[in-house]
Amino acid sequence: MKKYLREIEISGLVLVIIGIAFSWIWGANFGMWPCFMGLLLWLVTFLYKAFHWNEYARENRQNIVILLIAIIILLLQMFTRQ
């Protein structure tokens, strides 16, 4: 698993980007599934790195910061659209 982490993470990122593009072009229903699969792949790598914290401490801190920024952006979008 360790030697495939980077490939899984990049695959997840590509699927998220494809899902976002599909959402912009054809609507949210088409973009939801690739985005969901990409986030699921990213979650797998995130959890693996979390269970091996000492080895991936720097990447874990970066992932936590990215996750917090994404949550803040989503919350801001929710409250500004009303």
PDB file of N, CA and C in Angstrom:
ATOM      1  N   MET A   1       0.831  -1.186   0.000  1.00  0.00           N
ATOM      2  CA  MET A   1       0.000   0.000   0.000  1.00  0.00           C
ATOM      3  C   MET A   1       0.873   1.245   0.000  1.00  0.00           C
ATOM      4  N   LYS A   2       1.966   1.194   0.726  1.00  0.00           N
ATOM      5  CA  LYS A   2       2.803   2.376   0.893  1.00  0.00           C
ATOM      6  C   LYS A   2       3.334   2.894  -0.434  1.00  0.00           C
ATOM      7  N   LYS A   3       3.720   1.990  -1.330  1.00  0.00           N
ATOM      8  CA  LYS A   3       4.297   2.450  -2.583  1.00  0.00           C
ATOM      9  C   LYS A   3       3.241   2.945  -3.568  1.00  0.00           C
ATOM     10  N   TYR A   4       1.973   2.720  -3.307  1.00  0.00           N
ATOM     11  CA  TYR A   4       0.910   3.183  -4.185  1.00  0.00           C
ATOM     12  C   TYR A   4       0.151   4.395  -3.639  1.00  0.00           C
ATOM     13  N   LEU A   5       0.545   4.907  -2.501  1.00  0.00           N
ATOM     14  CA  LEU A   5      -0.182   6.025  -1.894  1.00  0.00           C
ATOM     15  C   LEU A   5      -0.235   7.240  -2.807  1.00  0.00           C
ATOM     16  N   ARG A   6       0.887   7.593  -3.403  1.00  0.00           N
ATOM     17  CA  ARG A   6       0.929   8.780  -4.257  1.00  0.00           C
ATOM     18  C   ARG A   6       0.018   8.621  -5.467  1.00  0.00           C
ATOM     19  N   GLU A   7       0.014   7.423  -6.079  1.00  0.00           N
ATOM     20  CA  GLU A   7      -0.843   7.177  -7.236  1.00  0.00           C
ATOM     21  C   GLU A   7      -2.321   7.234  -6.864  1.00  0.00           C
ATOM     22  N   ILE A   8      -2.671   6.691  -5.717  1.00  0.00           N
ATOM     23  CA  ILE A   8      -4.057   6.735  -5.257  1.00  0.00           C
ATOM     24  C   ILE A   8      -4.469   8.177  -4.991  1.00  0.00           C
ATOM     25  N   GLU A   9      -3.581   8.943  -4.370  1.00  0.00           N
ATOM     26  CA  GLU A   9      -3.883  10.336  -4.056  1.00  0.00           C
ATOM     27  C   GLU A   9      -4.053  11.162  -5.340  1.00  0.00           C
ATOM     28  N   ILE A  10      -3.186  10.974  -6.311  1.00  0.00           N
ATOM     29  CA  ILE A  10      -3.290  11.696  -7.579  1.00  0.00           C
ATOM     30  C   ILE A  10      -4.545  11.276  -8.338  1.00  0.00           C
ATOM     31  N   SER A  11      -4.874   9.996  -8.312  1.00  0.00           N
ATOM     32  CA  SER A  11      -6.097   9.520  -8.969  1.00  0.00           C
ATOM     33  C   SER A  11      -7.330  10.165  -8.345  1.00  0.00           C
ATOM     34  N   GLY A  12      -7.337  10.256  -7.028  1.00  0.00           N
ATOM     35  CA  GLY A  12      -8.449  10.912  -6.346  1.00  0.00           C
ATOM     36  C   GLY A  12      -8.561  12.371  -6.722  1.00  0.00           C
ATOM     37  N   LEU A  13      -7.434  13.059  -6.806  1.00  0.00           N
ATOM     38  CA  LEU A  13      -7.436  14.468  -7.186  1.00  0.00           C
ATOM     39  C   LEU A  13      -7.947  14.650  -8.609  1.00  0.00           C
ATOM     40  N   VAL A  14      -7.519  13.789  -9.530  1.00  0.00           N
ATOM     41  CA  VAL A  14      -7.985  13.870 -10.915  1.00  0.00           C
ATOM     42  C   VAL A  14      -9.487  13.622 -10.987  1.00  0.00           C
ATOM     43  N   LEU A  15      -9.986  12.656 -10.248  1.00  0.00           N
ATOM     44  CA  LEU A  15     -11.428  12.391 -10.246  1.00  0.00           C
ATOM     45  C   LEU A  15     -12.226  13.563  -9.675  1.00  0.00           C
ATOM     46  N   VAL A  16     -11.691  14.210  -8.650  1.00  0.00           N
ATOM     47  CA  VAL A  16     -12.372  15.386  -8.089  1.00  0.00           C
ATOM     48  C   VAL A  16     -12.422  16.509  -9.126  1.00  0.00           C
ATOM     49  N   ILE A  17     -11.331  16.731  -9.830  1.00  0.00           N
ATOM     50  CA  ILE A  17     -11.299  17.778 -10.857  1.00  0.00           C
ATOM     51  C   ILE A  17     -12.262  17.437 -11.993  1.00  0.00           C
ATOM     52  N   ILE A  18     -12.303  16.172 -12.402  1.00  0.00           N
ATOM     53  CA  ILE A  18     -13.258  15.751 -13.433  1.00  0.00           C
ATOM     54  C   ILE A  18     -14.687  15.958 -12.952  1.00  0.00           C
ATOM     55  N   GLY A  19     -14.948  15.614 -11.701  1.00  0.00           N
ATOM     56  CA  GLY A  19     -16.287  15.806 -11.145  1.00  0.00           C
ATOM     57  C   GLY A  19     -16.694  17.267 -11.103  1.00  0.00           C
ATOM     58  N   ILE A  20     -15.769  18.140 -10.753  1.00  0.00           N
ATOM     59  CA  ILE A  20     -16.069  19.569 -10.731  1.00  0.00           C
ATOM     60  C   ILE A  20     -16.347  20.070 -12.143  1.00  0.00           C
ATOM     61  N   ALA A  21     -15.537  19.625 -13.101  1.00  0.00           N
ATOM     62  CA  ALA A  21     -15.757  20.033 -14.498  1.00  0.00           C
ATOM     63  C   ALA A  21     -17.106  19.533 -15.003  1.00  0.00           C
ATOM     64  N   PHE A  22     -17.450  18.284 -14.718  1.00  0.00           N
ATOM     65  CA  PHE A  22     -18.750  17.756 -15.124  1.00  0.00           C
ATOM     66  C   PHE A  22     -19.888  18.539 -14.485  1.00  0.00           C
ATOM     67  N   SER A  23     -19.717  18.945 -13.237  1.00  0.00           N
ATOM     68  CA  SER A  23     -20.758  19.722 -12.560  1.00  0.00           C
ATOM     69  C   SER A  23     -20.968  21.076 -13.239  1.00  0.00           C
ATOM     70  N   TRP A  24     -19.882  21.693 -13.662  1.00  0.00           N
ATOM     71  CA  TRP A  24     -20.008  22.988 -14.340  1.00  0.00           C
ATOM     72  C   TRP A  24     -20.627  22.851 -15.724  1.00  0.00           C
ATOM     73  N   ILE A  25     -20.286  21.762 -16.419  1.00  0.00           N
ATOM     74  CA  ILE A  25     -20.751  21.604 -17.795  1.00  0.00           C
ATOM     75  C   ILE A  25     -22.165  21.032 -17.859  1.00  0.00           C
ATOM     76  N   TRP A  26     -22.399  19.900 -17.192  1.00  0.00           N
ATOM     77  CA  TRP A  26     -23.665  19.196 -17.324  1.00  0.00           C
ATOM     78  C   TRP A  26     -24.558  19.234 -16.087  1.00  0.00           C
ATOM     79  N   GLY A  27     -24.099  19.780 -15.003  1.00  0.00           N
ATOM     80  CA  GLY A  27     -24.914  19.845 -13.800  1.00  0.00           C
ATOM     81  C   GLY A  27     -24.371  18.956 -12.690  1.00  0.00           C
ATOM     82  N   ALA A  28     -24.894  19.169 -11.510  1.00  0.00           N
ATOM     83  CA  ALA A  28     -24.378  18.523 -10.304  1.00  0.00           C
ATOM     84  C   ALA A  28     -24.536  17.008 -10.317  1.00  0.00           C
ATOM     85  N   ASN A  29     -25.582  16.496 -10.952  1.00  0.00           N
ATOM     86  CA  ASN A  29     -25.794  15.041 -10.945  1.00  0.00           C
ATOM     87  C   ASN A  29     -24.693  14.288 -11.665  1.00  0.00           C
ATOM     88  N   PHE A  30     -24.170  14.847 -12.746  1.00  0.00           N
ATOM     89  CA  PHE A  30     -23.109  14.175 -13.485  1.00  0.00           C
ATOM     90  C   PHE A  30     -21.767  14.284 -12.773  1.00  0.00           C
ATOM     91  N   GLY A  31     -21.546  15.366 -12.059  1.00  0.00           N
ATOM     92  CA  GLY A  31     -20.269  15.567 -11.402  1.00  0.00           C
ATOM     93  C   GLY A  31     -20.161  14.956 -10.027  1.00  0.00           C
ATOM     94  N   MET A  32     -21.293  14.566  -9.476  1.00  0.00           N
ATOM     95  CA  MET A  32     -21.300  14.060  -8.117  1.00  0.00           C
ATOM     96  C   MET A  32     -20.524  12.755  -7.977  1.00  0.00           C
ATOM     97  N   TRP A  33     -20.694  11.812  -8.886  1.00  0.00           N
ATOM     98  CA  TRP A  33     -20.084  10.488  -8.736  1.00  0.00           C
ATOM     99  C   TRP A  33     -18.574  10.492  -8.901  1.00  0.00           C
ATOM    100  N   PRO A  34     -18.014  11.145  -9.929  1.00  0.00           N
ATOM    101  CA  PRO A  34     -16.545  11.179  -9.973  1.00  0.00           C
ATOM    102  C   PRO A  34     -15.946  11.919  -8.783  1.00  0.00           C
ATOM    103  N   CYS A  35     -16.606  12.979  -8.359  1.00  0.00           N
ATOM    104  CA  CYS A  35     -16.127  13.737  -7.206  1.00  0.00           C
ATOM    105  C   CYS A  35     -16.192  12.876  -5.945  1.00  0.00           C
ATOM    106  N   PHE A  36     -17.259  12.138  -5.782  1.00  0.00           N
ATOM    107  CA  PHE A  36     -17.414  11.255  -4.630  1.00  0.00           C
ATOM    108  C   PHE A  36     -16.334  10.182  -4.622  1.00  0.00           C
ATOM    109  N   MET A  37     -16.072   9.575  -5.766  1.00  0.00           N
ATOM    110  CA  MET A  37     -15.041   8.536  -5.843  1.00  0.00           C
ATOM    111  C   MET A  37     -13.656   9.112  -5.574  1.00  0.00           C
ATOM    112  N   GLY A  38     -13.394  10.315  -6.072  1.00  0.00           N
ATOM    113  CA  GLY A  38     -12.114  10.960  -5.813  1.00  0.00           C
ATOM    114  C   GLY A  38     -11.922  11.271  -4.342  1.00  0.00           C
ATOM    115  N   LEU A  39     -12.966  11.775  -3.704  1.00  0.00           N
ATOM    116  CA  LEU A  39     -12.880  12.059  -2.274  1.00  0.00           C
ATOM    117  C   LEU A  39     -12.732  10.778  -1.464  1.00  0.00           C
ATOM    118  N   LEU A  40     -13.350   9.708  -1.919  1.00  0.00           N
ATOM    119  CA  LEU A  40     -13.206   8.415  -1.240  1.00  0.00           C
ATOM    120  C   LEU A  40     -11.765   7.907  -1.334  1.00  0.00           C
ATOM    121  N   LEU A  41     -11.150   8.051  -2.508  1.00  0.00           N
ATOM    122  CA  LEU A  41      -9.748   7.649  -2.652  1.00  0.00           C
ATOM    123  C   LEU A  41      -8.845   8.515  -1.773  1.00  0.00           C
ATOM    124  N   TRP A  42      -9.142   9.811  -1.731  1.00  0.00           N
ATOM    125  CA  TRP A  42      -8.341  10.703  -0.889  1.00  0.00           C
ATOM    126  C   TRP A  42      -8.514  10.340   0.581  1.00  0.00           C
ATOM    127  N   LEU A  43      -9.716   9.942   0.961  1.00  0.00           N
ATOM    128  CA  LEU A  43      -9.972   9.532   2.334  1.00  0.00           C
ATOM    129  C   LEU A  43      -9.165   8.286   2.696  1.00  0.00           C
ATOM    130  N   VAL A  44      -9.034   7.357   1.773  1.00  0.00           N
ATOM    131  CA  VAL A  44      -8.245   6.151   2.027  1.00  0.00           C
ATOM    132  C   VAL A  44      -6.796   6.530   2.337  1.00  0.00           C
ATOM    133  N   THR A  45      -6.217   7.400   1.520  1.00  0.00           N
ATOM    134  CA  THR A  45      -4.825   7.804   1.778  1.00  0.00           C
ATOM    135  C   THR A  45      -4.716   8.608   3.063  1.00  0.00           C
ATOM    136  N   PHE A  46      -5.722   9.452   3.320  1.00  0.00           N
ATOM    137  CA  PHE A  46      -5.736  10.254   4.536  1.00  0.00           C
ATOM    138  C   PHE A  46      -5.749   9.370   5.777  1.00  0.00           C
ATOM    139  N   LEU A  47      -6.592   8.348   5.765  1.00  0.00           N
ATOM    140  CA  LEU A  47      -6.678   7.443   6.917  1.00  0.00           C
ATOM    141  C   LEU A  47      -5.412   6.609   7.075  1.00  0.00           C
ATOM    142  N   TYR A  48      -4.839   6.145   5.981  1.00  0.00           N
ATOM    143  CA  TYR A  48      -3.603   5.378   6.062  1.00  0.00           C
ATOM    144  C   TYR A  48      -2.492   6.223   6.681  1.00  0.00           C
ATOM    145  N   LYS A  49      -2.379   7.460   6.221  1.00  0.00           N
ATOM    146  CA  LYS A  49      -1.348   8.344   6.760  1.00  0.00           C
ATOM    147  C   LYS A  49      -1.633   8.709   8.216  1.00  0.00           C
ATOM    148  N   ALA A  50      -2.893   8.792   8.584  1.00  0.00           N
ATOM    149  CA  ALA A  50      -3.236   9.109   9.966  1.00  0.00           C
ATOM    150  C   ALA A  50      -2.839   7.964  10.903  1.00  0.00           C
ATOM    151  N   PHE A  51      -3.005   6.736  10.455  1.00  0.00           N
ATOM    152  CA  PHE A  51      -2.623   5.599  11.291  1.00  0.00           C
ATOM    153  C   PHE A  51      -1.116   5.397  11.354  1.00  0.00           C
ATOM    154  N   HIS A  52      -0.393   6.009  10.422  1.00  0.00           N
ATOM    155  CA  HIS A  52       1.072   5.979  10.422  1.00  0.00           C
ATOM    156  C   HIS A  52       1.590   7.401  10.604  1.00  0.00           C
ATOM    157  N   TRP A  53       1.152   8.033  11.698  1.00  0.00           N
ATOM    158  CA  TRP A  53       1.382   9.464  11.918  1.00  0.00           C
ATOM    159  C   TRP A  53       2.866   9.831  11.928  1.00  0.00           C
ATOM    160  N   ASN A  54       3.686   9.079  12.601  1.00  0.00           N
ATOM    161  CA  ASN A  54       5.107   9.421  12.725  1.00  0.00           C
ATOM    162  C   ASN A  54       5.805   9.484  11.366  1.00  0.00           C
ATOM    163  N   GLU A  55       5.409   8.625  10.474  1.00  0.00           N
ATOM    164  CA  GLU A  55       6.042   8.577   9.164  1.00  0.00           C
ATOM    165  C   GLU A  55       5.554   9.694   8.232  1.00  0.00           C
ATOM    166  N   TYR A  56       4.296  10.106   8.409  1.00  0.00           N
ATOM    167  CA  TYR A  56       3.684  11.099   7.520  1.00  0.00           C
ATOM    168  C   TYR A  56       3.218  12.346   8.278  1.00  0.00           C
ATOM    169  N   ALA A  57       3.935  12.768   9.278  1.00  0.00           N
ATOM    170  CA  ALA A  57       3.495  13.890  10.120  1.00  0.00           C
ATOM    171  C   ALA A  57       3.335  15.179   9.316  1.00  0.00           C
ATOM    172  N   ARG A  58       4.290  15.475   8.456  1.00  0.00           N
ATOM    173  CA  ARG A  58       4.229  16.717   7.677  1.00  0.00           C
ATOM    174  C   ARG A  58       3.030  16.715   6.721  1.00  0.00           C
ATOM    175  N   GLU A  59       2.827  15.612   5.995  1.00  0.00           N
ATOM    176  CA  GLU A  59       1.696  15.513   5.079  1.00  0.00           C
ATOM    177  C   GLU A  59       0.365  15.558   5.828  1.00  0.00           C
ATOM    178  N   ASN A  60       0.318  14.968   7.022  1.00  0.00           N
ATOM    179  CA  ASN A  60      -0.910  14.992   7.806  1.00  0.00           C
ATOM    180  C   ASN A  60      -1.289  16.409   8.212  1.00  0.00           C
ATOM    181  N   ARG A  61      -0.299  17.194   8.605  1.00  0.00           N
ATOM    182  CA  ARG A  61      -0.593  18.586   8.961  1.00  0.00           C
ATOM    183  C   ARG A  61      -1.099  19.360   7.754  1.00  0.00           C
ATOM    184  N   GLN A  62      -0.501  19.137   6.600  1.00  0.00           N
ATOM    185  CA  GLN A  62      -0.956  19.805   5.384  1.00  0.00           C
ATOM    186  C   GLN A  62      -2.376  19.382   5.028  1.00  0.00           C
ATOM    187  N   ASN A  63      -2.671  18.092   5.139  1.00  0.00           N
ATOM    188  CA  ASN A  63      -4.019  17.604   4.840  1.00  0.00           C
ATOM    189  C   ASN A  63      -5.054  18.180   5.793  1.00  0.00           C
ATOM    190  N   ILE A  64      -4.705  18.312   7.050  1.00  0.00           N
ATOM    191  CA  ILE A  64      -5.635  18.891   8.021  1.00  0.00           C
ATOM    192  C   ILE A  64      -5.914  20.348   7.692  1.00  0.00           C
ATOM    193  N   VAL A  65      -4.881  21.099   7.323  1.00  0.00           N
ATOM    194  CA  VAL A  65      -5.071  22.507   6.956  1.00  0.00           C
ATOM    195  C   VAL A  65      -5.936  22.614   5.699  1.00  0.00           C
ATOM    196  N   ILE A  66      -5.674  21.778   4.690  1.00  0.00           N
ATOM    197  CA  ILE A  66      -6.475  21.791   3.470  1.00  0.00           C
ATOM    198  C   ILE A  66      -7.921  21.445   3.768  1.00  0.00           C
ATOM    199  N   LEU A  67      -8.133  20.459   4.608  1.00  0.00           N
ATOM    200  CA  LEU A  67      -9.485  20.057   4.980  1.00  0.00           C
ATOM    201  C   LEU A  67     -10.217  21.164   5.725  1.00  0.00           C
ATOM    202  N   LEU A  68      -9.543  21.849   6.635  1.00  0.00           N
ATOM    203  CA  LEU A  68     -10.175  22.955   7.360  1.00  0.00           C
ATOM    204  C   LEU A  68     -10.516  24.108   6.422  1.00  0.00           C
ATOM    205  N   ILE A  69      -9.630  24.420   5.493  1.00  0.00           N
ATOM    206  CA  ILE A  69      -9.910  25.485   4.524  1.00  0.00           C
ATOM    207  C   ILE A  69     -11.105  25.114   3.658  1.00  0.00           C
ATOM    208  N   ALA A  70     -11.178  23.858   3.218  1.00  0.00           N
ATOM    209  CA  ALA A  70     -12.310  23.415   2.404  1.00  0.00           C
ATOM    210  C   ALA A  70     -13.621  23.502   3.189  1.00  0.00           C
ATOM    211  N   ILE A  71     -13.596  23.137   4.452  1.00  0.00           N
ATOM    212  CA  ILE A  71     -14.809  23.223   5.282  1.00  0.00           C
ATOM    213  C   ILE A  71     -15.235  24.677   5.450  1.00  0.00           C
ATOM    214  N   ILE A  72     -14.283  25.556   5.675  1.00  0.00           N
ATOM    215  CA  ILE A  72     -14.605  26.974   5.833  1.00  0.00           C
ATOM    216  C   ILE A  72     -15.198  27.535   4.543  1.00  0.00           C
ATOM    217  N   ILE A  73     -14.618  27.175   3.400  1.00  0.00           N
ATOM    218  CA  ILE A  73     -15.143  27.646   2.118  1.00  0.00           C
ATOM    219  C   ILE A  73     -16.567  27.129   1.900  1.00  0.00           C
ATOM    220  N   LEU A  74     -16.804  25.861   2.196  1.00  0.00           N
ATOM    221  CA  LEU A  74     -18.155  25.314   2.045  1.00  0.00           C
ATOM    222  C   LEU A  74     -19.154  25.999   2.965  1.00  0.00           C
ATOM    223  N   LEU A  75     -18.756  26.253   4.202  1.00  0.00           N
ATOM    224  CA  LEU A  75     -19.655  26.945   5.129  1.00  0.00           C
ATOM    225  C   LEU A  75     -19.943  28.371   4.669  1.00  0.00           C
ATOM    226  N   LEU A  76     -18.934  29.051   4.184  1.00  0.00           N
ATOM    227  CA  LEU A  76     -19.146  30.404   3.680  1.00  0.00           C
ATOM    228  C   LEU A  76     -20.081  30.405   2.481  1.00  0.00           C
ATOM    229  N   GLN A  77     -19.937  29.437   1.594  1.00  0.00           N
ATOM    230  CA  GLN A  77     -20.832  29.344   0.443  1.00  0.00           C
ATOM    231  C   GLN A  77     -22.257  29.032   0.875  1.00  0.00           C
ATOM    232  N   MET A  78     -22.415  28.207   1.884  1.00  0.00           N
ATOM    233  CA  MET A  78     -23.766  27.878   2.365  1.00  0.00           C
ATOM    234  C   MET A  78     -24.451  29.112   2.925  1.00  0.00           C
ATOM    235  N   PHE A  79     -23.725  29.906   3.703  1.00  0.00           N
ATOM    236  CA  PHE A  79     -24.353  31.038   4.361  1.00  0.00           C
ATOM    237  C   PHE A  79     -24.503  32.251   3.445  1.00  0.00           C
ATOM    238  N   THR A  80     -23.698  32.373   2.405  1.00  0.00           N
ATOM    239  CA  THR A  80     -23.827  33.518   1.513  1.00  0.00           C
ATOM    240  C   THR A  80     -24.861  33.301   0.428  1.00  0.00           C
ATOM    241  N   ARG A  81     -25.271  32.084   0.173  1.00  0.00           N
ATOM    242  CA  ARG A  81     -26.270  31.805  -0.867  1.00  0.00           C
ATOM    243  C   ARG A  81     -27.691  32.023  -0.380  1.00  0.00           C
ATOM    244  N   GLN A  82     -27.898  32.165   0.887  1.00  0.00           N
ATOM    245  CA  GLN A  82     -29.273  32.309   1.413  1.00  0.00           C
ATOM    246  C   GLN A  82     -29.794  33.688   1.281  1.00  0.00           C
TER     247      GLN A  82
END
